[in-house]
N, C-alpha and C. Protein backbone atom coordinates (compact mmCIF):
# COMPACT_ATOMS: atom_id res chain seq x y z
N MET A 1 -15.80 26.63 15.48
CA MET A 1 -14.64 26.29 16.35
C MET A 1 -13.76 25.45 15.64
N THR A 2 -12.43 26.05 15.84
CA THR A 2 -10.93 25.95 15.32
C THR A 2 -10.58 24.62 15.99
N ALA A 3 -9.78 23.37 15.12
CA ALA A 3 -9.54 22.75 16.29
C ALA A 3 -7.75 23.42 16.17
N GLN A 4 -7.14 23.37 17.53
CA GLN A 4 -5.50 23.37 17.92
C GLN A 4 -5.46 22.15 18.02
N THR A 5 -3.96 22.70 17.24
CA THR A 5 -2.50 21.50 18.03
C THR A 5 -1.78 22.04 18.05
N SER A 6 -1.76 20.94 18.85
CA SER A 6 -0.47 21.23 20.44
C SER A 6 0.74 20.97 19.77
N GLY A 7 2.08 21.84 20.50
CA GLY A 7 3.07 21.45 19.86
C GLY A 7 3.73 20.39 20.26
N THR A 8 3.04 19.24 20.61
CA THR A 8 4.10 17.91 20.98
C THR A 8 4.39 16.85 19.39
N LYS A 9 5.51 15.91 19.84
CA LYS A 9 5.83 15.60 18.79
C LYS A 9 4.37 14.79 17.91
N ALA A 10 3.59 13.77 19.14
CA ALA A 10 2.63 13.05 18.65
C ALA A 10 1.43 14.36 17.82
N ALA A 11 1.37 14.97 18.30
CA ALA A 11 0.19 16.39 17.38
C ALA A 11 0.68 16.37 15.91
N ARG A 12 2.28 16.45 16.04
CA ARG A 12 2.58 16.72 15.08
C ARG A 12 2.66 15.50 14.02
N HIS A 13 2.98 14.69 14.31
CA HIS A 13 2.72 12.87 13.67
C HIS A 13 1.41 12.88 13.03
N ALA A 14 0.48 13.21 14.01
CA ALA A 14 -1.09 13.09 13.36
C ALA A 14 -2.02 14.38 12.60
N LEU A 15 -1.16 15.42 12.33
CA LEU A 15 -0.69 16.39 11.32
C LEU A 15 -0.17 15.86 10.00
N ILE A 16 0.85 15.11 10.61
CA ILE A 16 1.69 15.12 9.21
C ILE A 16 0.44 13.70 8.81
N ALA A 17 -0.04 12.96 9.34
CA ALA A 17 -0.71 11.69 8.96
C ALA A 17 -1.80 12.44 8.35
N GLU A 18 -2.78 12.87 8.45
CA GLU A 18 -3.56 13.66 7.97
C GLU A 18 -3.30 14.05 6.76
N ILE A 19 -2.39 15.03 6.80
CA ILE A 19 -1.92 15.45 5.01
C ILE A 19 -1.72 14.54 4.08
N LEU A 20 -0.78 13.74 4.61
CA LEU A 20 -0.83 12.53 3.58
C LEU A 20 -1.35 11.78 3.32
N ALA A 21 -2.91 11.78 4.37
CA ALA A 21 -4.01 10.63 3.90
C ALA A 21 -4.58 11.64 3.01
N HIS A 22 -4.72 12.50 2.81
CA HIS A 22 -6.12 13.51 2.15
C HIS A 22 -5.07 14.04 1.02
N GLN A 23 -3.72 14.35 0.73
CA GLN A 23 -3.31 15.14 -0.52
C GLN A 23 -2.15 14.29 -0.19
N ALA A 24 -1.42 14.38 -2.11
CA ALA A 24 -0.34 14.06 -2.57
C ALA A 24 0.39 14.80 -2.33
N VAL A 25 1.56 14.33 -1.56
CA VAL A 25 2.60 15.02 -1.33
C VAL A 25 4.09 14.80 -1.96
N ARG A 26 4.94 15.47 -2.68
CA ARG A 26 6.10 14.88 -3.42
C ARG A 26 7.24 14.81 -2.66
N SER A 27 7.56 15.91 -1.89
CA SER A 27 8.55 16.03 -1.14
C SER A 27 8.30 16.69 0.38
N GLN A 28 9.60 16.39 0.95
CA GLN A 28 9.70 17.14 2.32
C GLN A 28 9.37 18.42 2.28
N THR A 29 10.37 18.88 0.97
CA THR A 29 9.69 20.71 1.17
C THR A 29 8.52 20.63 0.86
N GLU A 30 7.62 20.04 0.21
CA GLU A 30 6.36 20.66 0.14
C GLU A 30 5.14 20.04 1.43
N LEU A 31 5.89 19.23 2.02
CA LEU A 31 5.16 18.93 3.28
C LEU A 31 5.64 20.04 4.32
N SER A 32 6.44 20.40 4.50
CA SER A 32 7.12 21.25 5.41
C SER A 32 6.10 22.72 5.02
N GLU A 33 6.18 23.09 3.72
CA GLU A 33 5.15 23.79 3.58
C GLU A 33 4.00 23.68 4.03
N VAL A 34 3.44 22.68 3.91
CA VAL A 34 1.81 22.38 4.02
C VAL A 34 2.05 22.53 5.92
N LEU A 35 2.82 21.73 6.62
CA LEU A 35 2.67 21.95 7.80
C LEU A 35 2.80 23.53 8.53
N ALA A 36 3.60 24.31 7.56
CA ALA A 36 4.00 26.06 7.85
C ALA A 36 2.37 26.37 7.80
N ASP A 37 1.73 26.58 6.41
CA ASP A 37 0.27 26.65 6.19
C ASP A 37 -0.56 26.37 7.41
N ARG A 38 -0.22 25.47 8.03
CA ARG A 38 -1.05 25.08 9.69
C ARG A 38 -0.18 25.45 10.68
N GLY A 39 0.60 26.16 10.39
CA GLY A 39 1.35 27.19 11.77
C GLY A 39 2.09 26.12 12.60
N VAL A 40 2.88 25.01 11.99
CA VAL A 40 3.65 24.31 12.25
C VAL A 40 5.38 24.30 11.70
N THR A 41 6.29 24.54 12.07
CA THR A 41 7.35 24.31 11.72
C THR A 41 8.37 23.81 12.03
N VAL A 42 9.31 22.91 11.50
CA VAL A 42 10.28 21.99 11.87
C VAL A 42 11.09 22.10 10.84
N THR A 43 12.37 21.79 11.37
CA THR A 43 13.44 21.51 10.58
C THR A 43 13.50 19.95 9.64
N GLN A 44 14.31 20.19 8.67
CA GLN A 44 14.46 19.00 7.60
C GLN A 44 14.92 17.80 8.34
N GLY A 45 15.54 18.30 9.28
CA GLY A 45 16.23 16.45 9.94
C GLY A 45 14.80 16.32 10.61
N THR A 46 14.22 17.30 11.63
CA THR A 46 12.72 16.33 12.30
C THR A 46 11.95 15.93 11.24
N LEU A 47 11.60 16.74 10.14
CA LEU A 47 10.71 16.07 9.22
C LEU A 47 11.33 14.68 8.78
N SER A 48 12.67 14.72 8.68
CA SER A 48 12.90 13.33 7.86
C SER A 48 12.53 12.08 9.14
N ARG A 49 12.67 13.02 10.35
CA ARG A 49 12.84 11.46 11.36
C ARG A 49 11.43 11.33 11.49
N ASP A 50 10.46 12.18 11.49
CA ASP A 50 8.72 12.35 11.49
C ASP A 50 9.08 11.10 10.49
N LEU A 51 9.00 11.18 9.48
CA LEU A 51 8.60 10.53 8.14
C LEU A 51 8.60 9.19 8.74
N ASP A 52 10.19 8.93 8.99
CA ASP A 52 10.68 7.53 9.07
C ASP A 52 9.49 6.74 10.38
N GLU A 53 9.70 7.87 11.51
CA GLU A 53 9.20 7.28 12.71
C GLU A 53 7.40 6.49 12.23
N LEU A 54 6.83 7.35 11.06
CA LEU A 54 5.76 7.42 10.76
C LEU A 54 5.92 5.95 9.30
N ARG A 55 6.94 5.27 8.94
CA ARG A 55 7.32 4.62 8.13
C ARG A 55 6.28 4.80 6.96
N ALA A 56 6.65 6.17 6.50
CA ALA A 56 6.09 6.72 5.45
C ALA A 56 7.11 6.15 3.90
N GLN A 57 6.62 6.05 3.23
CA GLN A 57 7.07 5.55 2.30
C GLN A 57 6.77 6.15 0.74
N LYS A 58 7.62 6.42 -0.41
CA LYS A 58 7.52 6.60 -1.45
C LYS A 58 6.29 5.95 -2.58
N VAL A 59 5.18 6.21 -2.66
CA VAL A 59 4.35 5.21 -3.92
C VAL A 59 4.10 6.27 -5.06
N ARG A 60 3.84 5.56 -6.27
CA ARG A 60 3.03 5.76 -7.31
C ARG A 60 1.71 6.58 -7.06
N GLY A 61 1.81 7.62 -7.20
CA GLY A 61 0.23 8.38 -6.89
C GLY A 61 -0.24 8.88 -7.83
N PRO A 62 -1.61 9.50 -7.90
CA PRO A 62 -2.44 9.92 -9.11
C PRO A 62 -1.36 10.53 -10.37
N GLY A 63 -1.16 9.81 -11.18
CA GLY A 63 -0.69 10.34 -12.21
C GLY A 63 0.91 10.05 -12.35
N GLY A 64 1.40 9.21 -11.73
CA GLY A 64 2.31 8.08 -11.67
C GLY A 64 3.33 9.05 -11.07
N THR A 65 3.28 10.08 -10.54
CA THR A 65 4.10 10.80 -9.70
C THR A 65 4.20 10.19 -8.14
N GLN A 66 5.97 10.29 -8.08
CA GLN A 66 5.97 9.20 -6.28
C GLN A 66 5.15 10.86 -5.91
N VAL A 67 4.93 10.26 -4.83
CA VAL A 67 4.24 10.98 -3.54
C VAL A 67 4.48 9.58 -1.70
N TYR A 68 4.67 10.34 -1.00
CA TYR A 68 4.59 10.01 0.76
C TYR A 68 3.24 9.67 0.55
N ALA A 69 3.35 8.33 1.46
CA ALA A 69 2.16 7.24 2.09
C ALA A 69 2.71 6.76 2.97
N LEU A 70 1.22 5.99 3.96
CA LEU A 70 1.56 5.56 5.18
C LEU A 70 1.00 4.31 5.32
N PRO A 71 1.97 3.58 5.52
CA PRO A 71 1.15 1.87 5.27
C PRO A 71 -0.45 1.71 5.78
N VAL A 72 -0.89 0.75 5.51
CA VAL A 72 -2.90 0.95 5.86
C VAL A 72 -2.81 0.47 7.12
N GLU A 73 -3.76 1.08 7.86
CA GLU A 73 -4.58 0.16 8.95
C GLU A 73 -4.76 -1.39 8.92
N GLY A 74 -4.74 -2.00 9.74
CA GLY A 74 -4.90 -3.08 9.89
C GLY A 74 -3.63 -4.08 10.01
N GLY A 75 -2.35 -3.46 10.00
CA GLY A 75 -1.18 -4.20 9.86
C GLY A 75 -0.66 -4.41 8.18
N GLY A 76 -1.14 -4.30 7.23
CA GLY A 76 -0.97 -4.71 6.19
C GLY A 76 0.79 -3.74 6.05
N THR A 77 1.11 -4.23 4.83
CA THR A 77 2.58 -3.18 4.49
C THR A 77 2.56 -2.25 3.12
N GLU A 78 1.54 -2.70 2.35
CA GLU A 78 1.51 -1.79 1.40
C GLU A 78 0.54 -0.56 1.57
N PRO A 79 1.64 0.79 1.09
CA PRO A 79 0.73 1.95 1.61
C PRO A 79 -0.27 2.29 0.47
N VAL A 80 -0.74 3.36 0.82
CA VAL A 80 -1.85 3.51 -0.05
C VAL A 80 -1.96 5.36 -0.24
N VAL A 81 -2.16 5.53 -1.00
CA VAL A 81 -2.54 7.56 -1.10
C VAL A 81 -3.93 7.24 -1.11
N ALA A 82 -4.50 7.83 0.05
CA ALA A 82 -6.23 8.11 0.50
C ALA A 82 -6.34 9.75 -0.15
N GLU A 83 -6.34 10.66 -0.92
CA GLU A 83 -6.41 11.65 -1.17
C GLU A 83 -7.99 11.74 -1.72
N ASN A 84 -8.02 10.39 -2.26
CA ASN A 84 -9.26 10.39 -3.21
C ASN A 84 -10.44 9.96 -2.13
N THR A 85 -11.57 10.70 -2.22
CA THR A 85 -12.59 10.37 -1.47
C THR A 85 -13.74 9.11 -1.77
N GLU A 86 -13.13 8.37 -3.21
CA GLU A 86 -13.40 7.29 -3.12
C GLU A 86 -12.83 6.25 -2.51
N GLN A 87 -11.70 6.45 -2.88
CA GLN A 87 -11.02 5.29 -1.91
C GLN A 87 -10.89 5.32 -0.45
N VAL A 88 -11.24 6.51 0.24
CA VAL A 88 -11.27 6.31 2.12
C VAL A 88 -13.00 5.92 2.41
N THR A 89 -13.40 6.28 0.89
CA THR A 89 -15.08 5.68 1.46
C THR A 89 -14.99 4.26 1.36
N ALA A 90 -14.38 3.49 0.02
CA ALA A 90 -14.50 2.58 -0.11
C ALA A 90 -13.77 1.49 1.17
N ARG A 91 -12.58 2.11 1.87
CA ARG A 91 -11.60 1.24 3.11
C ARG A 91 -12.85 1.92 3.87
N LEU A 92 -13.70 2.28 4.32
CA LEU A 92 -14.24 2.76 5.91
C LEU A 92 -15.52 2.01 5.02
N GLN A 93 -16.29 1.36 4.30
CA GLN A 93 -17.20 0.55 4.10
C GLN A 93 -16.90 -0.98 3.94
N ARG A 94 -15.50 -0.94 3.67
CA ARG A 94 -14.67 -2.66 3.35
C ARG A 94 -15.04 -3.21 5.15
N TRP A 95 -13.87 -1.91 5.95
CA TRP A 95 -14.35 -1.92 7.52
C TRP A 95 -15.41 -2.04 7.89
N CYS A 96 -16.46 -1.49 7.85
CA CYS A 96 -17.71 -1.41 8.32
C CYS A 96 -18.23 -2.86 8.12
N ALA A 97 -18.22 -3.23 6.56
CA ALA A 97 -18.73 -4.82 6.54
C ALA A 97 -18.23 -5.58 7.12
N GLU A 98 -16.74 -5.68 7.71
CA GLU A 98 -16.08 -6.59 8.07
C GLU A 98 -16.20 -6.62 9.38
N VAL A 99 -15.95 -5.75 10.51
CA VAL A 99 -16.35 -5.72 11.53
C VAL A 99 -17.53 -4.56 12.53
N LEU A 100 -18.18 -3.97 11.96
CA LEU A 100 -19.07 -3.54 12.57
C LEU A 100 -20.28 -4.70 12.71
N VAL A 101 -20.16 -4.68 13.87
CA VAL A 101 -21.48 -5.81 14.61
C VAL A 101 -23.07 -4.99 15.00
N THR A 102 -22.65 -3.68 16.05
CA THR A 102 -24.02 -2.83 16.09
C THR A 102 -23.48 -1.33 16.35
N ALA A 103 -24.52 -0.60 15.86
CA ALA A 103 -24.01 0.51 16.08
C ALA A 103 -25.62 1.55 17.05
N ASP A 104 -25.02 2.46 18.36
CA ASP A 104 -26.03 2.64 18.97
C ASP A 104 -25.81 3.81 19.24
N THR A 105 -27.19 5.31 19.28
CA THR A 105 -26.54 6.50 19.54
C THR A 105 -27.09 7.08 20.59
N THR A 106 -26.11 8.23 21.41
CA THR A 106 -26.56 8.52 22.20
C THR A 106 -26.13 10.25 22.56
N SER A 107 -27.15 11.06 22.44
CA SER A 107 -26.52 12.20 22.26
C SER A 107 -26.06 12.86 21.30
N ASN A 108 -25.20 13.19 21.17
CA ASN A 108 -24.33 13.50 20.51
C ASN A 108 -23.14 12.58 20.25
N GLN A 109 -23.17 11.10 20.74
CA GLN A 109 -22.14 9.80 20.44
C GLN A 109 -22.76 8.84 19.89
N VAL A 110 -21.55 8.46 19.22
CA VAL A 110 -22.35 7.03 18.59
C VAL A 110 -21.23 6.06 19.11
N VAL A 111 -21.59 4.98 19.56
CA VAL A 111 -21.26 3.73 20.24
C VAL A 111 -21.00 2.55 19.30
N LEU A 112 -20.02 2.36 18.83
CA LEU A 112 -19.71 1.38 17.46
C LEU A 112 -19.43 0.26 18.17
N ARG A 113 -19.96 -1.22 17.99
CA ARG A 113 -19.36 -2.67 18.64
C ARG A 113 -19.00 -3.40 17.60
N THR A 114 -17.72 -4.18 18.03
CA THR A 114 -16.68 -4.69 17.15
C THR A 114 -16.44 -6.35 17.22
N PRO A 115 -15.98 -7.35 16.54
CA PRO A 115 -15.39 -8.28 17.21
C PRO A 115 -14.35 -7.55 17.63
N PRO A 116 -13.82 -8.79 19.03
CA PRO A 116 -12.90 -8.66 20.40
C PRO A 116 -11.39 -8.16 19.30
N GLY A 117 -10.33 -7.19 19.61
CA GLY A 117 -9.70 -6.89 19.23
C GLY A 117 -9.72 -6.20 17.66
N ALA A 118 -10.85 -5.40 17.35
CA ALA A 118 -10.94 -4.86 15.79
C ALA A 118 -11.48 -3.34 15.99
N ALA A 119 -11.25 -2.90 16.99
CA ALA A 119 -12.27 -1.64 17.18
C ALA A 119 -10.98 -0.84 16.64
N HIS A 120 -9.77 -0.96 17.00
CA HIS A 120 -9.10 0.53 16.43
C HIS A 120 -9.24 0.38 14.79
N VAL A 121 -9.03 -1.14 14.37
CA VAL A 121 -9.06 -0.51 12.93
C VAL A 121 -10.47 -0.14 12.45
N LEU A 122 -11.20 -0.18 12.90
CA LEU A 122 -12.43 0.79 12.61
C LEU A 122 -12.35 1.74 13.05
N ALA A 123 -12.13 2.34 14.15
CA ALA A 123 -11.62 3.65 14.17
C ALA A 123 -10.52 4.30 13.66
N SER A 124 -9.60 3.85 13.05
CA SER A 124 -8.68 4.31 12.04
C SER A 124 -9.38 4.79 11.07
N ALA A 125 -9.94 3.81 10.49
CA ALA A 125 -10.65 4.13 9.51
C ALA A 125 -11.84 5.46 9.17
N LEU A 126 -12.27 5.63 10.66
CA LEU A 126 -13.29 6.24 10.50
C LEU A 126 -12.40 8.07 10.80
N ASP A 127 -10.92 7.92 11.43
CA ASP A 127 -10.25 8.72 11.56
C ASP A 127 -10.06 9.45 10.31
N HIS A 128 -9.67 8.52 9.75
CA HIS A 128 -8.94 8.66 7.96
C HIS A 128 -10.15 9.58 7.33
N ALA A 129 -11.64 9.05 7.62
CA ALA A 129 -12.43 9.20 6.43
C ALA A 129 -12.43 10.91 6.79
N LEU A 130 -12.41 11.36 7.88
CA LEU A 130 -12.48 12.63 7.49
C LEU A 130 -14.13 13.18 7.76
N LEU A 131 -15.20 12.67 8.72
CA LEU A 131 -16.74 12.70 8.09
C LEU A 131 -16.93 14.13 8.81
N PRO A 132 -17.98 14.77 8.12
CA PRO A 132 -18.44 15.81 8.48
C PRO A 132 -19.03 15.99 9.89
N GLY A 133 -18.62 16.98 10.41
CA GLY A 133 -19.00 16.77 12.24
C GLY A 133 -18.54 15.57 13.09
N VAL A 134 -17.86 14.97 12.94
CA VAL A 134 -17.04 14.23 13.91
C VAL A 134 -15.87 14.94 14.23
N LEU A 135 -15.85 14.70 15.99
CA LEU A 135 -14.99 15.80 16.50
C LEU A 135 -13.62 14.58 16.58
N GLY A 136 -14.06 13.21 16.55
CA GLY A 136 -12.61 12.12 17.21
C GLY A 136 -13.55 11.07 17.51
N CYS A 137 -12.79 9.72 17.88
CA CYS A 137 -12.89 8.42 18.14
C CYS A 137 -11.98 7.61 19.62
N ILE A 138 -12.52 7.17 20.02
CA ILE A 138 -11.97 6.46 21.02
C ILE A 138 -12.25 5.01 20.65
N ALA A 139 -11.23 3.93 20.64
CA ALA A 139 -11.36 2.80 20.82
C ALA A 139 -10.49 1.93 21.32
N GLY A 140 -11.27 1.22 22.30
CA GLY A 140 -11.12 0.23 23.17
C GLY A 140 -10.63 -1.17 22.16
N ASP A 141 -11.36 -2.58 23.08
CA ASP A 141 -10.72 -3.70 22.11
C ASP A 141 -12.00 -3.43 21.27
N ASP A 142 -12.79 -3.98 21.65
CA ASP A 142 -14.16 -4.44 21.11
C ASP A 142 -15.49 -2.97 20.60
N THR A 143 -14.73 -1.93 21.10
CA THR A 143 -16.10 -0.70 21.11
C THR A 143 -15.38 0.14 20.61
N VAL A 144 -15.81 0.81 19.81
CA VAL A 144 -15.50 2.80 19.63
C VAL A 144 -16.50 3.88 19.91
N LEU A 145 -15.78 4.23 20.61
CA LEU A 145 -16.63 5.48 21.47
C LEU A 145 -16.49 7.19 20.00
N VAL A 146 -17.48 7.57 19.00
CA VAL A 146 -17.35 8.21 18.54
C VAL A 146 -17.83 9.82 18.70
N ILE A 147 -17.31 10.72 19.01
CA ILE A 147 -17.90 12.37 19.76
C ILE A 147 -18.56 13.01 18.15
N THR A 148 -19.28 13.50 17.90
CA THR A 148 -19.73 14.42 17.21
C THR A 148 -20.21 15.94 17.69
N ARG A 149 -20.67 16.23 17.00
CA ARG A 149 -21.08 18.15 16.98
C ARG A 149 -22.45 18.09 17.88
N ASP A 150 -23.86 17.36 17.20
CA ASP A 150 -24.35 17.31 18.19
C ASP A 150 -25.14 16.24 17.62
N GLU A 151 -26.73 15.66 18.13
CA GLU A 151 -27.31 14.89 18.39
C GLU A 151 -27.89 14.27 16.48
N HIS A 152 -28.04 15.33 16.07
CA HIS A 152 -28.72 14.71 14.75
C HIS A 152 -27.23 14.40 13.75
N ARG A 153 -25.76 15.06 13.69
CA ARG A 153 -24.95 14.49 12.94
C ARG A 153 -24.39 13.16 13.49
N ALA A 154 -24.83 12.75 14.86
CA ALA A 154 -25.17 11.36 15.30
C ALA A 154 -25.51 10.11 14.96
N ALA A 155 -26.97 10.67 14.58
CA ALA A 155 -27.92 9.65 14.28
C ALA A 155 -28.23 9.77 12.65
N ALA A 156 -27.26 10.87 12.15
CA ALA A 156 -26.76 10.31 10.76
C ALA A 156 -26.03 10.05 10.32
N LEU A 157 -25.29 9.87 11.48
CA LEU A 157 -23.73 8.88 11.01
C LEU A 157 -23.98 7.43 11.57
N THR A 158 -24.59 7.17 12.36
CA THR A 158 -25.06 5.97 13.27
C THR A 158 -25.61 5.18 11.64
N GLU A 159 -26.69 5.98 11.31
CA GLU A 159 -26.97 5.26 9.70
C GLU A 159 -26.25 4.86 8.76
N ARG A 160 -25.41 6.10 8.02
CA ARG A 160 -24.73 5.71 7.43
C ARG A 160 -23.36 5.07 7.19
N LEU A 161 -23.01 4.62 8.37
CA LEU A 161 -22.17 3.27 8.85
C LEU A 161 -23.09 1.88 9.00
N LEU A 162 -23.91 2.11 9.59
CA LEU A 162 -25.08 0.72 8.96
C LEU A 162 -25.51 0.32 7.94
N GLU A 163 -25.53 1.24 6.57
CA GLU A 163 -25.68 1.21 5.80
C GLU A 163 -24.35 0.55 4.60
N LEU A 164 -22.99 1.79 5.31
CA LEU A 164 -21.90 1.13 4.95
C LEU A 164 -21.67 -0.43 5.12
N ALA A 165 -22.23 -1.10 6.04
CA ALA A 165 -22.18 -2.32 6.67
C ALA A 165 -22.69 -3.37 6.04
N ARG A 166 -23.97 -3.10 5.29
CA ARG A 166 -24.82 -3.55 4.56
C ARG A 166 -24.11 -4.52 3.62
N PRO A 167 -24.44 -5.44 3.05
CA PRO A 167 -23.98 -5.92 1.25
C PRO A 167 -24.86 -4.76 0.64
N GLY A 168 -24.25 -4.93 -0.94
CA GLY A 168 -24.51 -4.25 -1.62
C GLY A 168 -25.96 -4.07 -2.48
N PRO A 169 -26.51 -4.85 -2.68
CA PRO A 169 -27.82 -4.78 -2.50
C PRO A 169 -29.05 -5.10 -1.85
N GLN A 170 -28.68 -5.47 -0.64
CA GLN A 170 -29.49 -5.74 0.19
C GLN A 170 -29.47 -4.04 1.46
N ARG A 171 -28.75 -3.14 1.12
CA ARG A 171 -28.25 -2.08 1.75
C ARG A 171 -29.96 -0.75 1.84
N ARG A 172 -30.92 -1.45 3.26
CA ARG A 172 -31.63 -0.69 3.65
C ARG A 172 -31.81 -0.69 4.73
N ARG A 173 -32.13 -0.21 5.71
CA ARG A 173 -32.47 -0.35 6.95
C ARG A 173 -32.74 -1.84 7.67
N GLY A 174 -32.39 -2.58 8.39
CA GLY A 174 -32.79 -3.69 8.78
C GLY A 174 -32.67 -4.87 8.41
N THR A 175 -31.38 -4.80 7.15
CA THR A 175 -31.01 -6.04 6.91
C THR A 175 -29.67 -6.00 6.99
N GLY A 176 -29.00 -6.91 6.36
CA GLY A 176 -27.71 -6.96 6.25
C GLY A 176 -26.40 -7.35 7.85
N PRO A 177 -25.33 -7.36 8.26
CA PRO A 177 -24.69 -7.77 9.15
C PRO A 177 -25.10 -6.95 10.39
N ALA A 178 -24.85 -5.40 10.20
CA ALA A 178 -24.67 -4.95 11.45
C ALA A 178 -26.51 -4.36 11.80
N SER A 179 -26.80 -4.13 12.61
CA SER A 179 -28.07 -3.57 13.16
C SER A 179 -27.79 -2.30 14.57
N SER A 180 -28.84 -1.63 14.60
CA SER A 180 -28.65 -0.57 15.75
C SER A 180 -29.88 -1.36 16.53
N ALA A 181 -30.40 -2.42 16.10
CA ALA A 181 -31.23 -3.38 17.05
C ALA A 181 -30.48 -3.92 17.77
N GLY A 182 -31.03 -4.87 18.98
CA GLY A 182 -30.08 -5.61 19.65
C GLY A 182 -30.47 -7.38 19.11
N PRO A 183 -29.87 -8.09 19.60
CA PRO A 183 -30.17 -9.83 19.51
C PRO A 183 -31.61 -9.82 19.58
N PRO A 184 -32.36 -10.90 18.78
CA PRO A 184 -33.89 -10.96 18.77
C PRO A 184 -33.87 -11.65 20.39
N ALA A 185 -35.03 -10.98 20.55
CA ALA A 185 -35.28 -11.65 22.64
C ALA A 185 -36.50 -13.39 22.29
């Protein structure tokens, strides 16, 4: 199944954010071409307004070239270019280690608990990671619902996120700050 993009401004903004998070885009013309390849045609004026509304900035990217980037989730003002898988994984690992309290799986869904007010940050990091089999996330105040394609991917995602949440040398099931088990009885 291939995802369809609606013609709304919000859908276009989401697509632009996804593109900027995963590949180096050096100009509005280049971004316009990438959007056109994905079936979205926009005028230069609309694209300029979109980049302004998304608070996109030019930053020094790989090899010293200037590329567009969006501000980091969590309220920071320093933009990052996350076309690098290692950067995306490091960011997801950082947020899992800082805010993931528990993870539980049911059917093709994963329920993640965070401290109050932190769910949106973890959901954003998951969205940017574009993990295989993840269809999307819904964040509340302290809960993230992640929907996957099937039960096996949900179980694998739960295990991976719990692994990312554990401190380096202790990364193994049952240790660290996050656990799929509840509090001791």
